[in-house]
Amino acid sequence: MLEYHLDDQNIDFYRALVPLTLRRQGIAEKSVRTGLAWAKTEGLNISTRCSYVVNFLR
């Protein structure tokens, strides 16, 4: 699950969560890729406080 706050033209991805039983299956990566692609398509300014997303963007 990718949690975010959307305000006008800004989106802040603040948490990426995957239940313990579902980890190590690439679910967080798929969620982040999908969220970022959607935000870019919508022309949103992207920010993040989530360490997973920060590392993903590097």
C-alpha atoms as a PDB file:
ATOM      1  CA  MET A   1       0.000   0.000   0.000  1.00  0.00           C
ATOM      2  CA  LEU A   2       1.355   3.405  -0.963  1.00  0.00           C
ATOM      3  CA  GLU A   3      -0.001   6.208   1.196  1.00  0.00           C
ATOM      4  CA  TYR A   4       0.031   9.780  -0.027  1.00  0.00           C
ATOM      5  CA  HIS A   5      -1.348  13.255   0.509  1.00  0.00           C
ATOM      6  CA  LEU A   6      -2.688  15.058  -2.559  1.00  0.00           C
ATOM      7  CA  ASP A   7      -3.156  18.835  -2.540  1.00  0.00           C
ATOM      8  CA  ASP A   8      -3.872  20.745  -5.755  1.00  0.00           C
ATOM      9  CA  GLN A   9      -0.874  19.944  -7.973  1.00  0.00           C
ATOM     10  CA  ASN A  10       1.326  18.366  -5.282  1.00  0.00           C
ATOM     11  CA  ILE A  11       1.573  14.789  -4.105  1.00  0.00           C
ATOM     12  CA  ASP A  12       3.562  13.599  -1.106  1.00  0.00           C
ATOM     13  CA  PHE A  13       4.196   9.870  -0.901  1.00  0.00           C
ATOM     14  CA  TYR A  14       4.680   9.426   2.834  1.00  0.00           C
ATOM     15  CA  ARG A  15       4.495   5.674   3.445  1.00  0.00           C
ATOM     16  CA  ALA A  16       4.910   2.391   1.578  1.00  0.00           C
ATOM     17  CA  LEU A  17       3.571  -0.557   3.558  1.00  0.00           C
ATOM     18  CA  VAL A  18       3.426  -4.246   2.751  1.00  0.00           C
ATOM     19  CA  PRO A  19       2.168  -6.844   5.267  1.00  0.00           C
ATOM     20  CA  LEU A  20       4.882  -9.171   6.562  1.00  0.00           C
ATOM     21  CA  THR A  21       3.304 -12.188   4.895  1.00  0.00           C
ATOM     22  CA  LEU A  22       3.464 -10.503   1.473  1.00  0.00           C
ATOM     23  CA  ARG A  23       6.969  -9.055   1.618  1.00  0.00           C
ATOM     24  CA  ARG A  24       9.805 -10.039  -0.731  1.00  0.00           C
ATOM     25  CA  GLN A  25       7.415 -10.247  -3.698  1.00  0.00           C
ATOM     26  CA  GLY A  26       8.066  -6.836  -5.251  1.00  0.00           C
ATOM     27  CA  ILE A  27       4.738  -5.403  -4.129  1.00  0.00           C
ATOM     28  CA  ALA A  28       6.200  -2.178  -2.713  1.00  0.00           C
ATOM     29  CA  GLU A  29       8.212  -1.606  -5.882  1.00  0.00           C
ATOM     30  CA  LYS A  30       5.141  -2.147  -8.074  1.00  0.00           C
ATOM     31  CA  SER A  31       3.090   0.224  -5.908  1.00  0.00           C
ATOM     32  CA  VAL A  32       5.745   2.934  -6.040  1.00  0.00           C
ATOM     33  CA  ARG A  33       6.283   2.557  -9.799  1.00  0.00           C
ATOM     34  CA  THR A  34       2.535   2.782 -10.402  1.00  0.00           C
ATOM     35  CA  GLY A  35       2.099   5.764  -8.077  1.00  0.00           C
ATOM     36  CA  LEU A  36       4.991   7.683  -9.615  1.00  0.00           C
ATOM     37  CA  ALA A  37       3.818   6.953 -13.156  1.00  0.00           C
ATOM     38  CA  TRP A  38       0.306   8.145 -12.330  1.00  0.00           C
ATOM     39  CA  ALA A  39       1.611  11.323 -10.649  1.00  0.00           C
ATOM     40  CA  LYS A  40       3.802  12.119 -13.661  1.00  0.00           C
ATOM     41  CA  THR A  41       0.899  11.517 -16.062  1.00  0.00           C
ATOM     42  CA  GLU A  42      -1.225  13.914 -14.020  1.00  0.00           C
ATOM     43  CA  GLY A  43       1.556  16.533 -14.031  1.00  0.00           C
ATOM     44  CA  LEU A  44       1.854  16.556 -10.238  1.00  0.00           C
ATOM     45  CA  ASN A  45       4.827  17.856  -8.279  1.00  0.00           C
ATOM     46  CA  ILE A  46       6.220  14.831  -6.443  1.00  0.00           C
ATOM     47  CA  SER A  47       7.714  14.856  -2.961  1.00  0.00           C
ATOM     48  CA  THR A  48       8.273  12.106  -0.434  1.00  0.00           C
ATOM     49  CA  ARG A  49       9.000  11.545   3.236  1.00  0.00           C
ATOM     50  CA  CYS A  50       9.154   7.772   2.811  1.00  0.00           C
ATOM     51  CA  SER A  51      12.664   6.318   2.931  1.00  0.00           C
ATOM     52  CA  TYR A  52      11.682   3.522   0.529  1.00  0.00           C
ATOM     53  CA  VAL A  53      10.484   5.992  -2.076  1.00  0.00           C
ATOM     54  CA  VAL A  54      13.541   8.219  -1.519  1.00  0.00           C
ATOM     55  CA  ASN A  55      15.857   5.254  -2.135  1.00  0.00           C
ATOM     56  CA  PHE A  56      13.786   4.189  -5.118  1.00  0.00           C
ATOM     57  CA  LEU A  57      14.176   7.626  -6.744  1.00  0.00           C
ATOM     58  CA  ARG A  58      17.982   7.615  -6.412  1.00  0.00           C
END
